[in-house]
Amino acid sequence: MSQHIAVVIGVGGMGQAIARRVGPGTHLLLADFNEETLETATGQLRGEGYEVTSQTVDVTSRESVAALAKRAASLGEVRYVVHTAGLSPAQAPVPAILAVDLLGVALAAEEFGEVVAPGGAGVVIASMAGHNYPPFSPEQTLELATTPADELLGLPVANPDNFPHGGAAYAFAKRANLVRVQAASVTWGARGARINAISPGHIATPMGNTESGGANGAIIQAMIDGSNAKREGTPADIARAAEFLLSPGARFISGSDMLVDGGVIAALQTGHITLR
């Protein structure tokens, strides 16, 4: 019997937590751009008894993502694909955010849509920030859904000049991720597989801590204080949601988004949190 492969792209806090959830009974293929981060995560998970293979990846390069998908298929049946790789507004300028957070997701959805096994499932980590971005027009939605990944950054709606700061580019990319997931659900469905998104709130990861310690720290704290949960999220919160969406229990869910934010968006959209 062919072994089941679980691919985790991006092995920061959320990626590692998800790997621990889906790792038992699978062969983990971990991928990250940062070789040091990848080596550390691989060593930790191997030390905990997981079967792990690792490979560096540049999610902005089709050749690199295609090589990762080919490696995954060579190891066995690609049953789970989890894409957590991303850049936050505090980490990079607008063009880099668009390349990693928009193009990177689109490339992974396309390339792994060619190798995912029947019965397989994917999860893309988006963000609650996408839920605060203005809705796309029907024409923009169609363009974002159907334009080949390699041409996405050339669309007028994705022009870097549209975004006055990294936060706007980040929110745009994360909302666009939901459109790409909807479109990919159709192509993955032709293989008998599913793909969904998770939109986390503020999560206590190194990337999240960089954001909360930066210029938007007061805004983030106000959202946390006004939320239902009244706490920041943990990588385990996201891992539990991913485990469900990847499981047979979610076999009727595809092309959807799960908002896992402690109730922040609900409070914002009903006027219980006012940001100035």
Protein backbone atom coordinates (compact mmCIF):
# COMPACT_ATOMS: atom_id res chain seq x y z
CA MET A 1 0.00 0.00 0.00
CA SER A 2 1.32 3.46 -0.93
CA GLN A 3 2.08 5.67 2.05
CA HIS A 4 0.03 8.81 2.64
CA ILE A 5 1.87 12.10 2.22
CA ALA A 6 1.07 15.29 4.14
CA VAL A 7 2.69 18.39 2.66
CA VAL A 8 3.11 21.44 4.89
CA ILE A 9 4.37 24.56 3.12
CA GLY A 10 5.63 27.07 5.65
CA VAL A 11 6.84 25.59 8.93
CA GLY A 12 6.50 28.46 11.35
CA GLY A 13 4.27 28.20 14.41
CA MET A 14 1.06 27.31 12.61
CA GLY A 15 2.75 25.00 10.13
CA GLN A 16 4.43 22.99 12.85
CA ALA A 17 1.24 22.76 14.91
CA ILE A 18 -0.68 21.47 11.90
CA ALA A 19 2.09 19.02 11.05
CA ARG A 20 1.82 17.53 14.53
CA ARG A 21 -1.94 17.11 14.08
CA VAL A 22 -1.84 15.42 10.67
CA GLY A 23 1.55 13.74 11.03
CA PRO A 24 0.61 10.47 12.79
CA GLY A 25 0.12 7.80 10.16
CA THR A 26 1.49 9.96 7.36
CA HIS A 27 4.85 10.83 5.86
CA LEU A 28 5.37 14.57 6.37
CA LEU A 29 6.95 16.59 3.59
CA LEU A 30 7.92 19.92 5.13
CA ALA A 31 8.82 22.90 2.94
CA ASP A 32 9.98 26.43 3.68
CA PHE A 33 12.03 29.18 2.06
CA ASN A 34 14.16 29.65 5.18
CA GLU A 35 16.62 26.75 5.36
CA GLU A 36 17.38 27.30 9.05
CA THR A 37 13.71 27.29 10.01
CA LEU A 38 13.14 24.20 7.89
CA GLU A 39 16.09 22.33 9.39
CA THR A 40 15.01 23.16 12.93
CA ALA A 41 11.40 22.08 12.37
CA THR A 42 12.46 18.89 10.64
CA GLY A 43 14.79 17.97 13.49
CA GLN A 44 12.17 18.66 16.14
CA LEU A 45 9.47 16.60 14.46
CA ARG A 46 11.82 13.71 13.71
CA GLY A 47 12.86 13.79 17.35
CA GLU A 48 9.20 13.44 18.31
CA GLY A 49 8.86 10.31 16.19
CA TYR A 50 7.34 11.69 12.99
CA GLU A 51 8.47 10.46 9.58
CA VAL A 52 9.72 13.58 7.85
CA THR A 53 11.23 14.61 4.53
CA SER A 54 12.13 18.25 3.90
CA GLN A 55 12.67 20.43 0.85
CA THR A 56 13.27 24.13 0.44
CA VAL A 57 10.74 25.99 -1.66
CA ASP A 58 10.26 29.46 -3.09
CA VAL A 59 6.49 29.81 -3.34
CA THR A 60 6.84 32.69 -5.81
CA SER A 61 8.54 30.38 -8.35
CA ARG A 62 6.44 27.96 -10.37
CA GLU A 63 9.50 25.80 -10.99
CA SER A 64 10.19 25.54 -7.26
CA VAL A 65 6.57 24.76 -6.34
CA ALA A 66 6.31 22.24 -9.21
CA ALA A 67 9.46 20.51 -7.96
CA LEU A 68 7.92 20.25 -4.50
CA ALA A 69 4.69 18.78 -5.90
CA LYS A 70 6.70 16.28 -7.95
CA ARG A 71 8.68 15.29 -4.86
CA ALA A 72 5.48 14.79 -2.90
CA ALA A 73 3.98 12.55 -5.58
CA SER A 74 7.18 10.51 -5.75
CA LEU A 75 6.90 9.69 -2.04
CA GLY A 76 3.34 8.29 -2.13
CA GLU A 77 -0.30 9.42 -2.24
CA VAL A 78 -0.59 13.15 -1.64
CA ARG A 79 -3.47 13.18 0.84
CA TYR A 80 -3.02 16.50 2.63
CA VAL A 81 -1.64 19.82 1.42
CA VAL A 82 -1.40 22.72 3.86
CA HIS A 83 -0.18 26.14 2.74
CA THR A 84 0.78 28.44 5.61
CA ALA A 85 3.61 30.40 3.96
CA GLY A 86 3.11 34.15 4.00
CA LEU A 87 4.54 37.57 4.77
CA SER A 88 2.94 40.06 7.14
CA PRO A 89 2.84 43.85 6.66
CA ALA A 90 5.64 44.28 9.20
CA GLN A 91 7.92 41.87 7.36
CA ALA A 92 8.04 43.07 3.78
CA PRO A 93 7.13 45.77 1.24
CA VAL A 94 4.02 45.66 -0.92
CA PRO A 95 5.48 43.85 -3.97
CA ALA A 96 6.89 41.03 -1.81
CA ILE A 97 3.60 40.61 0.06
CA LEU A 98 1.71 40.32 -3.22
CA ALA A 99 4.23 37.82 -4.60
CA VAL A 100 4.25 35.53 -1.56
CA ASP A 101 0.70 35.90 -0.23
CA LEU A 102 -1.17 36.00 -3.56
CA LEU A 103 1.00 34.43 -6.26
CA GLY A 104 2.40 31.82 -3.87
CA VAL A 105 -1.02 30.52 -2.91
CA ALA A 106 -2.17 30.44 -6.53
CA LEU A 107 0.89 28.49 -7.67
CA ALA A 108 0.52 25.94 -4.87
CA ALA A 109 -3.17 25.43 -5.64
CA GLU A 110 -2.41 24.88 -9.32
CA GLU A 111 0.62 22.61 -8.96
CA PHE A 112 -0.75 20.45 -6.15
CA GLY A 113 -4.07 20.28 -7.96
CA GLU A 114 -2.19 18.17 -10.48
CA VAL A 115 -0.94 15.59 -7.95
CA VAL A 116 -3.39 15.48 -5.02
CA ALA A 117 -4.84 11.99 -4.59
CA PRO A 118 -8.56 11.19 -4.82
CA GLY A 119 -10.00 11.71 -1.36
CA GLY A 120 -7.25 14.21 -0.59
CA ALA A 121 -7.74 17.67 0.88
CA GLY A 122 -5.97 20.99 1.08
CA VAL A 123 -6.03 23.97 3.42
CA VAL A 124 -4.80 27.48 2.66
CA ILE A 125 -4.12 29.80 5.57
CA ALA A 126 -5.63 33.18 4.71
CA SER A 127 -6.43 35.83 7.35
CA MET A 128 -9.29 37.66 9.02
CA ALA A 129 -7.77 40.74 7.38
CA GLY A 130 -9.30 39.56 4.11
CA HIS A 131 -12.76 39.86 5.66
CA ASN A 132 -12.14 43.56 6.31
CA TYR A 133 -11.10 44.31 2.73
CA PRO A 134 -13.77 45.90 0.47
CA PRO A 135 -15.63 43.34 -1.65
CA PHE A 136 -14.40 42.81 -5.18
CA SER A 137 -16.62 43.69 -8.10
CA PRO A 138 -18.02 40.72 -10.06
CA GLU A 139 -15.52 41.49 -12.83
CA GLN A 140 -12.58 41.57 -10.42
CA THR A 141 -13.73 38.36 -8.77
CA LEU A 142 -13.87 36.59 -12.12
CA GLU A 143 -10.43 37.88 -13.08
CA LEU A 144 -8.91 36.78 -9.78
CA ALA A 145 -10.57 33.37 -10.06
CA THR A 146 -9.68 32.54 -13.66
CA THR A 147 -6.41 34.29 -14.47
CA PRO A 148 -3.49 31.82 -14.60
CA ALA A 149 -1.27 32.21 -11.57
CA ASP A 150 1.71 33.46 -13.58
CA GLU A 151 -0.38 36.41 -14.83
CA LEU A 152 -2.06 37.36 -11.54
CA LEU A 153 0.36 40.10 -10.53
CA GLY A 154 -0.18 41.78 -13.89
CA LEU A 155 -3.87 42.37 -13.25
CA PRO A 156 -4.85 46.04 -12.70
CA VAL A 157 -6.49 45.10 -9.39
CA ALA A 158 -3.14 43.72 -8.16
CA ASN A 159 -1.02 46.73 -9.18
CA PRO A 160 1.27 47.62 -6.24
CA ASP A 161 0.40 51.29 -6.72
CA ASN A 162 -3.13 50.49 -5.50
CA PHE A 163 -1.90 49.85 -1.98
CA PRO A 164 -0.71 52.73 0.23
CA HIS A 165 0.95 50.37 2.70
CA GLY A 166 1.70 46.73 3.35
CA GLY A 167 -1.43 46.23 5.43
CA ALA A 168 -3.67 47.05 2.47
CA ALA A 169 -1.74 44.70 0.18
CA TYR A 170 -1.90 41.95 2.80
CA ALA A 171 -5.68 42.28 3.26
CA PHE A 172 -6.19 42.33 -0.52
CA ALA A 173 -4.07 39.21 -1.02
CA LYS A 174 -5.87 37.34 1.75
CA ARG A 175 -9.30 38.20 0.33
CA ALA A 176 -8.06 37.13 -3.10
CA ASN A 177 -6.91 33.83 -1.56
CA LEU A 178 -10.54 33.00 -0.83
CA VAL A 179 -11.42 33.53 -4.49
CA ARG A 180 -8.52 31.31 -5.61
CA VAL A 181 -9.61 28.61 -3.18
CA GLN A 182 -13.13 28.71 -4.59
CA ALA A 183 -11.78 28.35 -8.12
CA ALA A 184 -9.36 25.59 -7.11
CA SER A 185 -12.21 23.68 -5.48
CA VAL A 186 -13.57 22.98 -8.95
CA THR A 187 -10.29 21.74 -10.42
CA TRP A 188 -9.40 19.74 -7.32
CA GLY A 189 -12.91 18.30 -7.36
CA ALA A 190 -12.23 16.84 -10.80
CA ARG A 191 -9.63 14.67 -9.04
CA GLY A 192 -11.98 13.78 -6.19
CA ALA A 193 -10.21 16.13 -3.78
CA ARG A 194 -11.22 19.19 -1.74
CA ILE A 195 -9.60 22.48 -0.79
CA ASN A 196 -10.66 25.10 1.77
CA ALA A 197 -9.28 28.15 3.53
CA ILE A 198 -8.87 29.15 7.16
CA SER A 199 -8.85 32.84 8.11
CA PRO A 200 -7.08 33.13 11.46
CA GLY A 201 -7.30 36.10 13.76
CA HIS A 202 -4.26 37.31 15.66
CA ILE A 203 -2.22 34.22 16.50
CA ALA A 204 0.69 34.04 18.93
CA THR A 205 3.42 33.07 16.48
CA PRO A 206 6.73 34.83 15.79
CA MET A 207 5.10 36.58 12.82
CA GLY A 208 2.05 37.53 14.88
CA ASN A 209 4.23 38.82 17.70
CA THR A 210 6.11 41.00 15.23
CA GLU A 211 2.83 42.58 14.21
CA SER A 212 1.56 43.10 17.76
CA GLY A 213 4.87 44.66 18.74
CA GLY A 214 4.79 47.09 15.83
CA ALA A 215 2.84 50.16 14.80
CA ASN A 216 -0.48 48.29 14.81
CA GLY A 217 -0.06 46.87 18.30
CA ALA A 218 -2.75 49.06 19.89
CA ILE A 219 -5.25 48.17 17.16
CA ILE A 220 -4.56 44.47 17.56
CA GLN A 221 -5.02 44.69 21.32
CA ALA A 222 -8.31 46.58 20.89
CA MET A 223 -9.59 43.83 18.60
CA ILE A 224 -8.59 41.16 21.11
CA ASP A 225 -10.19 43.04 24.03
CA GLY A 226 -13.44 43.51 22.12
CA SER A 227 -13.70 39.95 20.84
CA ASN A 228 -15.73 37.05 22.19
CA ALA A 229 -12.61 35.10 23.17
CA LYS A 230 -10.76 38.09 24.68
CA ARG A 231 -7.43 36.44 23.99
CA GLU A 232 -5.05 35.98 21.12
CA GLY A 233 -5.20 32.68 19.31
CA THR A 234 -2.68 29.87 19.49
CA PRO A 235 -1.22 27.73 16.71
CA ALA A 236 -3.14 24.82 18.24
CA ASP A 237 -6.43 26.66 17.61
CA ILE A 238 -5.63 26.78 13.90
CA ALA A 239 -4.29 23.23 13.83
CA ARG A 240 -7.57 21.87 15.23
CA ALA A 241 -9.53 23.69 12.53
CA ALA A 242 -7.17 22.41 9.83
CA GLU A 243 -7.41 18.86 11.15
CA PHE A 244 -11.19 19.01 10.81
CA LEU A 245 -11.17 20.46 7.28
CA LEU A 246 -8.69 17.80 6.15
CA SER A 247 -10.67 14.97 7.75
CA PRO A 248 -13.44 12.79 6.29
CA GLY A 249 -15.83 14.61 8.61
CA ALA A 250 -15.52 17.64 6.31
CA ARG A 251 -16.00 15.74 3.06
CA PHE A 252 -19.02 17.93 2.14
CA ILE A 253 -17.03 21.16 2.58
CA SER A 254 -15.00 22.55 -0.30
CA GLY A 255 -14.24 26.00 -1.65
CA SER A 256 -15.15 27.44 1.73
CA ASP A 257 -13.46 29.59 4.38
CA MET A 258 -13.44 29.00 8.12
CA LEU A 259 -13.02 32.18 10.16
CA VAL A 260 -11.04 31.29 13.30
CA ASP A 261 -10.55 34.67 14.94
CA GLY A 262 -12.09 34.48 18.41
CA GLY A 263 -15.04 36.55 17.21
CA VAL A 264 -13.12 39.67 16.12
CA ILE A 265 -14.78 40.07 12.71
CA ALA A 266 -18.21 39.47 14.21
CA ALA A 267 -17.62 42.25 16.74
CA LEU A 268 -16.19 44.62 14.12
CA GLN A 269 -19.00 44.13 11.64
CA THR A 270 -21.72 44.60 14.26
CA GLY A 271 -20.20 47.75 15.71
CA HIS A 272 -19.03 46.30 19.00
CA ILE A 273 -15.42 47.18 18.16
CA THR A 274 -14.65 50.63 16.76
CA LEU A 275 -11.13 51.23 15.49
CA ARG A 276 -9.81 54.76 15.13
